[in-house]
Amino acid sequence: MIRVYVDMVADLFHVGHLNLIQAARKFGDVLVVGVHSDEDVASYKRVPIISEANRYEMVRSCRYVDEVIEAAPLKITKEFLEENKINFVVHGDDISEELKKQHQVPIDMGIVKYVPYTDGISTTKIIAKIQQIKS
């Protein structure tokens, strides 16, 4: 059984999230999605609009997802990978320097797979569009 891991905020769940999940699913037999807590997300960006409890349930309800890890750690450690029996970590190819730090262990282990980022949609863009319509 090949277990694949993706971590995300999953705020305002959109087609970009879905594309990442579908792409990650192709790397193995079991897809595990870690969803970060509100507190962790707020530590490096804004507070999510959708509460963590609701984000966990949205991701859990996706048919491509086999398991959800609630309050997933921002920094992926060797212990986390071993404890959850993760074979590959998948991320969009838009990875920032901050994310590289968070994923340094699986990068060093050679188990990270990058998939194309979905252009034209992001939670930030959705928020901006709502604000533009509102004003």
N, C-alpha and C. Protein backbone atom coordinates (compact mmCIF):
# COMPACT_ATOMS: atom_id res chain seq x y z
N MET A 1 0.84 -1.19 0.00
CA MET A 1 0.00 0.00 0.00
C MET A 1 0.88 1.24 0.00
N ILE A 2 0.78 2.03 -1.02
CA ILE A 2 1.54 3.29 -1.08
C ILE A 2 0.66 4.41 -0.56
N ARG A 3 1.18 5.07 0.49
CA ARG A 3 0.43 6.16 1.14
C ARG A 3 1.03 7.50 0.72
N VAL A 4 0.17 8.36 0.24
CA VAL A 4 0.56 9.67 -0.26
C VAL A 4 -0.03 10.73 0.66
N TYR A 5 0.78 11.75 0.93
CA TYR A 5 0.37 12.82 1.85
C TYR A 5 0.39 14.18 1.15
N VAL A 6 -0.66 14.93 1.38
CA VAL A 6 -0.77 16.33 0.94
C VAL A 6 -1.20 17.13 2.16
N ASP A 7 -0.57 18.29 2.38
CA ASP A 7 -1.06 19.16 3.44
C ASP A 7 -1.57 20.45 2.82
N MET A 8 -2.57 21.02 3.48
CA MET A 8 -3.20 22.22 2.94
C MET A 8 -4.01 22.95 4.00
N VAL A 9 -4.37 24.17 3.66
CA VAL A 9 -5.29 24.95 4.49
C VAL A 9 -6.71 24.57 4.11
N ALA A 10 -6.99 24.51 2.81
CA ALA A 10 -8.31 24.15 2.27
C ALA A 10 -9.38 25.18 2.62
N ASP A 11 -8.98 26.43 2.73
CA ASP A 11 -9.95 27.50 3.00
C ASP A 11 -10.67 27.82 1.70
N LEU A 12 -11.97 28.06 1.77
CA LEU A 12 -12.79 28.32 0.58
C LEU A 12 -12.49 27.28 -0.49
N PHE A 13 -12.66 26.04 -0.14
CA PHE A 13 -12.32 24.89 -0.99
C PHE A 13 -12.74 25.16 -2.44
N HIS A 14 -11.76 25.07 -3.34
CA HIS A 14 -12.00 25.42 -4.75
C HIS A 14 -11.33 24.41 -5.68
N VAL A 15 -11.49 24.61 -6.98
CA VAL A 15 -10.99 23.65 -7.97
C VAL A 15 -9.47 23.48 -7.90
N GLY A 16 -8.74 24.48 -7.48
CA GLY A 16 -7.29 24.31 -7.30
C GLY A 16 -6.98 23.27 -6.25
N HIS A 17 -7.72 23.30 -5.15
CA HIS A 17 -7.55 22.27 -4.11
C HIS A 17 -7.90 20.89 -4.69
N LEU A 18 -9.00 20.84 -5.41
CA LEU A 18 -9.45 19.58 -5.99
C LEU A 18 -8.42 19.03 -6.98
N ASN A 19 -7.87 19.90 -7.82
CA ASN A 19 -6.85 19.45 -8.77
C ASN A 19 -5.63 18.88 -8.07
N LEU A 20 -5.20 19.52 -6.97
CA LEU A 20 -4.07 19.02 -6.20
C LEU A 20 -4.38 17.64 -5.62
N ILE A 21 -5.55 17.51 -5.05
CA ILE A 21 -5.96 16.23 -4.45
C ILE A 21 -6.02 15.13 -5.51
N GLN A 22 -6.62 15.43 -6.65
CA GLN A 22 -6.72 14.43 -7.71
C GLN A 22 -5.33 14.03 -8.24
N ALA A 23 -4.46 15.01 -8.42
CA ALA A 23 -3.10 14.73 -8.90
C ALA A 23 -2.33 13.88 -7.89
N ALA A 24 -2.45 14.22 -6.61
CA ALA A 24 -1.74 13.49 -5.56
C ALA A 24 -2.23 12.04 -5.49
N ARG A 25 -3.49 11.86 -5.67
CA ARG A 25 -4.10 10.52 -5.59
C ARG A 25 -3.44 9.54 -6.56
N LYS A 26 -2.98 10.04 -7.69
CA LYS A 26 -2.39 9.19 -8.74
C LYS A 26 -1.04 8.59 -8.34
N PHE A 27 -0.42 9.10 -7.27
CA PHE A 27 0.89 8.61 -6.85
C PHE A 27 0.83 7.39 -5.94
N GLY A 28 -0.37 6.99 -5.52
CA GLY A 28 -0.43 5.86 -4.61
C GLY A 28 -1.81 5.28 -4.46
N ASP A 29 -1.94 4.46 -3.41
CA ASP A 29 -3.19 3.75 -3.15
C ASP A 29 -4.07 4.44 -2.12
N VAL A 30 -3.45 5.15 -1.19
CA VAL A 30 -4.17 5.81 -0.11
C VAL A 30 -3.74 7.27 -0.08
N LEU A 31 -4.72 8.17 -0.09
CA LEU A 31 -4.41 9.60 -0.01
C LEU A 31 -4.77 10.12 1.37
N VAL A 32 -3.76 10.64 2.04
CA VAL A 32 -3.90 11.23 3.36
C VAL A 32 -3.74 12.73 3.19
N VAL A 33 -4.72 13.50 3.66
CA VAL A 33 -4.65 14.96 3.55
C VAL A 33 -4.57 15.56 4.95
N GLY A 34 -3.51 16.30 5.18
CA GLY A 34 -3.36 17.02 6.44
C GLY A 34 -3.93 18.42 6.27
N VAL A 35 -4.82 18.80 7.17
CA VAL A 35 -5.41 20.14 7.13
C VAL A 35 -4.91 20.90 8.35
N HIS A 36 -4.32 22.06 8.10
CA HIS A 36 -3.73 22.86 9.18
C HIS A 36 -4.79 23.56 10.02
N SER A 37 -4.47 23.76 11.28
CA SER A 37 -5.38 24.43 12.22
C SER A 37 -5.44 25.93 11.93
N ASP A 38 -6.49 26.56 12.41
CA ASP A 38 -6.63 28.02 12.28
C ASP A 38 -5.43 28.73 12.89
N GLU A 39 -5.01 28.28 14.06
CA GLU A 39 -3.90 28.92 14.77
C GLU A 39 -2.60 28.83 13.96
N ASP A 40 -2.32 27.65 13.42
CA ASP A 40 -1.10 27.50 12.62
C ASP A 40 -1.13 28.35 11.36
N VAL A 41 -2.26 28.37 10.70
CA VAL A 41 -2.38 29.16 9.46
C VAL A 41 -2.20 30.65 9.78
N ALA A 42 -2.82 31.10 10.85
CA ALA A 42 -2.72 32.51 11.24
C ALA A 42 -1.28 32.90 11.57
N SER A 43 -0.44 31.93 11.90
CA SER A 43 0.95 32.24 12.25
C SER A 43 1.79 32.65 11.04
N TYR A 44 1.34 32.32 9.84
CA TYR A 44 2.13 32.70 8.66
C TYR A 44 1.32 33.39 7.56
N LYS A 45 0.00 33.43 7.70
CA LYS A 45 -0.84 34.18 6.76
C LYS A 45 -2.06 34.66 7.54
N ARG A 46 -3.14 34.90 6.89
CA ARG A 46 -4.35 35.38 7.58
C ARG A 46 -5.12 34.23 8.24
N VAL A 47 -6.02 34.59 9.15
CA VAL A 47 -6.91 33.60 9.76
C VAL A 47 -7.83 33.08 8.66
N PRO A 48 -8.01 31.77 8.55
CA PRO A 48 -8.91 31.24 7.52
C PRO A 48 -10.35 31.75 7.70
N ILE A 49 -11.04 31.87 6.60
CA ILE A 49 -12.44 32.30 6.63
C ILE A 49 -13.33 31.16 7.12
N ILE A 50 -13.07 29.97 6.65
CA ILE A 50 -13.82 28.78 7.06
C ILE A 50 -13.11 28.17 8.27
N SER A 51 -13.87 27.87 9.32
CA SER A 51 -13.27 27.31 10.54
C SER A 51 -12.59 25.98 10.26
N GLU A 52 -11.61 25.66 11.10
CA GLU A 52 -10.89 24.41 10.88
C GLU A 52 -11.81 23.20 10.94
N ALA A 53 -12.77 23.18 11.85
CA ALA A 53 -13.70 22.04 11.94
C ALA A 53 -14.44 21.85 10.61
N ASN A 54 -14.89 22.95 10.03
CA ASN A 54 -15.60 22.85 8.75
C ASN A 54 -14.64 22.47 7.61
N ARG A 55 -13.42 22.98 7.65
CA ARG A 55 -12.44 22.62 6.62
C ARG A 55 -12.11 21.12 6.69
N TYR A 56 -11.99 20.58 7.90
CA TYR A 56 -11.73 19.14 8.04
C TYR A 56 -12.85 18.35 7.37
N GLU A 57 -14.08 18.75 7.63
CA GLU A 57 -15.23 18.02 7.07
C GLU A 57 -15.33 18.17 5.56
N MET A 58 -15.04 19.36 5.03
CA MET A 58 -15.08 19.55 3.57
C MET A 58 -14.08 18.61 2.90
N VAL A 59 -12.87 18.56 3.41
CA VAL A 59 -11.84 17.71 2.82
C VAL A 59 -12.20 16.24 3.02
N ARG A 60 -12.68 15.88 4.19
CA ARG A 60 -13.05 14.50 4.48
C ARG A 60 -14.16 14.02 3.52
N SER A 61 -15.03 14.93 3.09
CA SER A 61 -16.14 14.54 2.23
C SER A 61 -15.73 14.37 0.77
N CYS A 62 -14.53 14.76 0.41
CA CYS A 62 -14.05 14.61 -0.96
C CYS A 62 -13.79 13.13 -1.25
N ARG A 63 -14.34 12.64 -2.32
CA ARG A 63 -14.27 11.20 -2.62
C ARG A 63 -12.86 10.70 -2.91
N TYR A 64 -11.93 11.58 -3.22
CA TYR A 64 -10.55 11.17 -3.52
C TYR A 64 -9.70 11.03 -2.25
N VAL A 65 -10.22 11.48 -1.13
CA VAL A 65 -9.48 11.51 0.14
C VAL A 65 -9.84 10.29 0.98
N ASP A 66 -8.81 9.57 1.42
CA ASP A 66 -9.04 8.39 2.26
C ASP A 66 -8.95 8.70 3.75
N GLU A 67 -8.05 9.61 4.12
CA GLU A 67 -7.87 9.98 5.53
C GLU A 67 -7.59 11.47 5.64
N VAL A 68 -8.04 12.05 6.73
CA VAL A 68 -7.73 13.45 7.04
C VAL A 68 -6.99 13.49 8.37
N ILE A 69 -5.90 14.21 8.40
CA ILE A 69 -5.19 14.46 9.65
C ILE A 69 -5.54 15.88 10.07
N GLU A 70 -6.28 15.99 11.14
CA GLU A 70 -6.70 17.30 11.64
C GLU A 70 -5.54 17.98 12.36
N ALA A 71 -5.48 19.31 12.24
CA ALA A 71 -4.42 20.10 12.87
C ALA A 71 -3.05 19.54 12.48
N ALA A 72 -2.90 19.26 11.20
CA ALA A 72 -1.63 18.71 10.69
C ALA A 72 -0.50 19.69 10.96
N PRO A 73 0.67 19.19 11.27
CA PRO A 73 1.79 20.10 11.56
C PRO A 73 2.23 20.85 10.30
N LEU A 74 2.68 22.08 10.50
CA LEU A 74 3.21 22.85 9.37
C LEU A 74 4.52 22.25 8.89
N LYS A 75 5.34 21.82 9.83
CA LYS A 75 6.65 21.25 9.50
C LYS A 75 6.54 19.73 9.52
N ILE A 76 6.86 19.12 8.39
CA ILE A 76 6.79 17.67 8.28
C ILE A 76 8.10 17.08 8.79
N THR A 77 8.01 16.24 9.79
CA THR A 77 9.19 15.61 10.38
C THR A 77 9.27 14.14 9.96
N LYS A 78 10.43 13.57 10.16
CA LYS A 78 10.62 12.14 9.87
C LYS A 78 9.70 11.31 10.76
N GLU A 79 9.55 11.73 12.00
CA GLU A 79 8.66 11.01 12.94
C GLU A 79 7.22 11.03 12.44
N PHE A 80 6.78 12.20 11.94
CA PHE A 80 5.41 12.32 11.41
C PHE A 80 5.23 11.36 10.23
N LEU A 81 6.20 11.34 9.32
CA LEU A 81 6.12 10.48 8.13
C LEU A 81 6.09 9.00 8.55
N GLU A 82 6.93 8.63 9.49
CA GLU A 82 6.97 7.24 9.95
C GLU A 82 5.68 6.86 10.68
N GLU A 83 5.23 7.73 11.58
CA GLU A 83 4.01 7.47 12.35
C GLU A 83 2.80 7.26 11.45
N ASN A 84 2.74 8.02 10.35
CA ASN A 84 1.59 7.94 9.44
C ASN A 84 1.87 7.07 8.21
N LYS A 85 3.03 6.42 8.20
CA LYS A 85 3.42 5.49 7.13
C LYS A 85 3.31 6.13 5.75
N ILE A 86 3.86 7.35 5.63
CA ILE A 86 3.79 8.11 4.39
C ILE A 86 4.95 7.73 3.47
N ASN A 87 4.63 7.40 2.22
CA ASN A 87 5.64 7.05 1.23
C ASN A 87 6.05 8.24 0.36
N PHE A 88 5.08 9.12 0.05
CA PHE A 88 5.34 10.30 -0.77
C PHE A 88 4.59 11.50 -0.21
N VAL A 89 5.19 12.67 -0.39
CA VAL A 89 4.55 13.94 -0.06
C VAL A 89 4.37 14.69 -1.37
N VAL A 90 3.18 15.21 -1.62
CA VAL A 90 2.88 15.90 -2.86
C VAL A 90 2.53 17.36 -2.55
N HIS A 91 3.00 18.25 -3.43
CA HIS A 91 2.68 19.67 -3.29
C HIS A 91 2.62 20.29 -4.67
N GLY A 92 1.91 21.40 -4.78
CA GLY A 92 1.90 22.16 -6.02
C GLY A 92 3.29 22.70 -6.32
N ASP A 93 3.57 22.91 -7.60
CA ASP A 93 4.91 23.37 -7.99
C ASP A 93 5.14 24.86 -7.76
N ASP A 94 4.22 25.49 -7.05
CA ASP A 94 4.35 26.90 -6.67
C ASP A 94 5.03 27.05 -5.31
N ILE A 95 5.77 26.09 -4.90
CA ILE A 95 6.34 26.03 -3.55
C ILE A 95 7.24 27.25 -3.26
N SER A 96 7.00 27.86 -2.12
CA SER A 96 7.76 29.04 -1.70
C SER A 96 8.94 28.61 -0.83
N GLU A 97 9.80 29.56 -0.52
CA GLU A 97 10.92 29.27 0.37
C GLU A 97 10.43 28.81 1.75
N GLU A 98 9.35 29.43 2.23
CA GLU A 98 8.78 29.05 3.53
C GLU A 98 8.30 27.60 3.50
N LEU A 99 7.61 27.22 2.42
CA LEU A 99 7.14 25.84 2.31
C LEU A 99 8.29 24.86 2.16
N LYS A 100 9.35 25.29 1.49
CA LYS A 100 10.52 24.41 1.38
C LYS A 100 11.06 24.09 2.77
N LYS A 101 11.05 25.09 3.66
CA LYS A 101 11.51 24.85 5.04
C LYS A 101 10.59 23.85 5.73
N GLN A 102 9.28 24.01 5.53
CA GLN A 102 8.31 23.13 6.17
C GLN A 102 8.40 21.70 5.64
N HIS A 103 8.81 21.56 4.39
CA HIS A 103 8.91 20.25 3.75
C HIS A 103 10.35 19.77 3.60
N GLN A 104 11.27 20.37 4.33
CA GLN A 104 12.69 20.05 4.15
C GLN A 104 13.02 18.58 4.36
N VAL A 105 12.42 17.97 5.36
CA VAL A 105 12.71 16.56 5.65
C VAL A 105 12.31 15.67 4.48
N PRO A 106 11.05 15.74 3.99
CA PRO A 106 10.73 14.88 2.85
C PRO A 106 11.50 15.25 1.58
N ILE A 107 11.86 16.53 1.42
CA ILE A 107 12.70 16.93 0.28
C ILE A 107 14.04 16.21 0.38
N ASP A 108 14.67 16.27 1.56
CA ASP A 108 15.96 15.62 1.76
C ASP A 108 15.87 14.10 1.58
N MET A 109 14.73 13.54 1.91
CA MET A 109 14.52 12.10 1.76
C MET A 109 14.23 11.70 0.31
N GLY A 110 13.98 12.69 -0.54
CA GLY A 110 13.69 12.42 -1.95
C GLY A 110 12.31 11.84 -2.20
N ILE A 111 11.35 12.17 -1.32
CA ILE A 111 10.00 11.60 -1.47
C ILE A 111 8.95 12.65 -1.80
N VAL A 112 9.37 13.85 -2.23
CA VAL A 112 8.43 14.90 -2.59
C VAL A 112 8.17 14.83 -4.09
N LYS A 113 6.90 14.91 -4.45
CA LYS A 113 6.48 14.97 -5.84
C LYS A 113 5.75 16.30 -6.04
N TYR A 114 6.12 17.02 -7.08
CA TYR A 114 5.46 18.29 -7.38
C TYR A 114 4.50 18.11 -8.54
N VAL A 115 3.34 18.74 -8.42
CA VAL A 115 2.33 18.70 -9.47
C VAL A 115 2.03 20.13 -9.89
N PRO A 116 1.52 20.34 -11.10
CA PRO A 116 1.26 21.70 -11.57
C PRO A 116 0.25 22.44 -10.69
N TYR A 117 0.59 23.68 -10.38
CA TYR A 117 -0.31 24.59 -9.65
C TYR A 117 -1.42 25.01 -10.61
N THR A 118 -2.63 25.12 -10.12
CA THR A 118 -3.75 25.56 -10.95
C THR A 118 -3.72 27.07 -11.06
N ASP A 119 -3.40 27.56 -12.24
CA ASP A 119 -3.36 29.01 -12.47
C ASP A 119 -4.76 29.60 -12.46
N GLY A 120 -4.84 30.85 -12.04
CA GLY A 120 -6.08 31.61 -12.14
C GLY A 120 -7.04 31.49 -10.98
N ILE A 121 -6.75 30.62 -10.03
CA ILE A 121 -7.65 30.50 -8.88
C ILE A 121 -6.83 30.29 -7.61
N SER A 122 -7.25 30.98 -6.58
CA SER A 122 -6.66 30.81 -5.26
C SER A 122 -7.64 31.41 -4.26
N THR A 123 -7.48 31.05 -3.03
CA THR A 123 -8.34 31.62 -1.99
C THR A 123 -8.17 33.13 -1.95
N THR A 124 -6.95 33.60 -2.09
CA THR A 124 -6.67 35.05 -2.08
C THR A 124 -7.42 35.75 -3.21
N LYS A 125 -7.42 35.14 -4.40
CA LYS A 125 -8.14 35.72 -5.55
C LYS A 125 -9.65 35.72 -5.33
N ILE A 126 -10.16 34.67 -4.72
CA ILE A 126 -11.60 34.60 -4.43
C ILE A 126 -11.98 35.71 -3.45
N ILE A 127 -11.18 35.89 -2.42
CA ILE A 127 -11.45 36.94 -1.43
C ILE A 127 -11.42 38.31 -2.11
N ALA A 128 -10.42 38.55 -2.95
CA ALA A 128 -10.32 39.83 -3.65
C ALA A 128 -11.53 40.07 -4.54
N LYS A 129 -11.99 39.04 -5.20
CA LYS A 129 -13.17 39.17 -6.08
C LYS A 129 -14.41 39.51 -5.27
N ILE A 130 -14.58 38.87 -4.13
CA ILE A 130 -15.72 39.16 -3.25
C ILE A 130 -15.65 40.62 -2.78
N GLN A 131 -14.47 41.05 -2.39
CA GLN A 131 -14.30 42.44 -1.93
C GLN A 131 -14.59 43.42 -3.05
N GLN A 132 -14.20 43.09 -4.25
CA GLN A 132 -14.43 43.97 -5.41
C GLN A 132 -15.94 44.06 -5.71
N ILE A 133 -16.63 42.95 -5.65
CA ILE A 133 -18.08 42.93 -5.88
C ILE A 133 -18.79 43.73 -4.80
N LYS A 134 -18.32 43.59 -3.58
CA LYS A 134 -18.93 44.23 -2.42
C LYS A 134 -18.80 45.76 -2.47
N SER A 135 -17.72 46.26 -3.07
CA SER A 135 -17.51 47.72 -3.05
C SER A 135 -18.08 48.42 -4.25
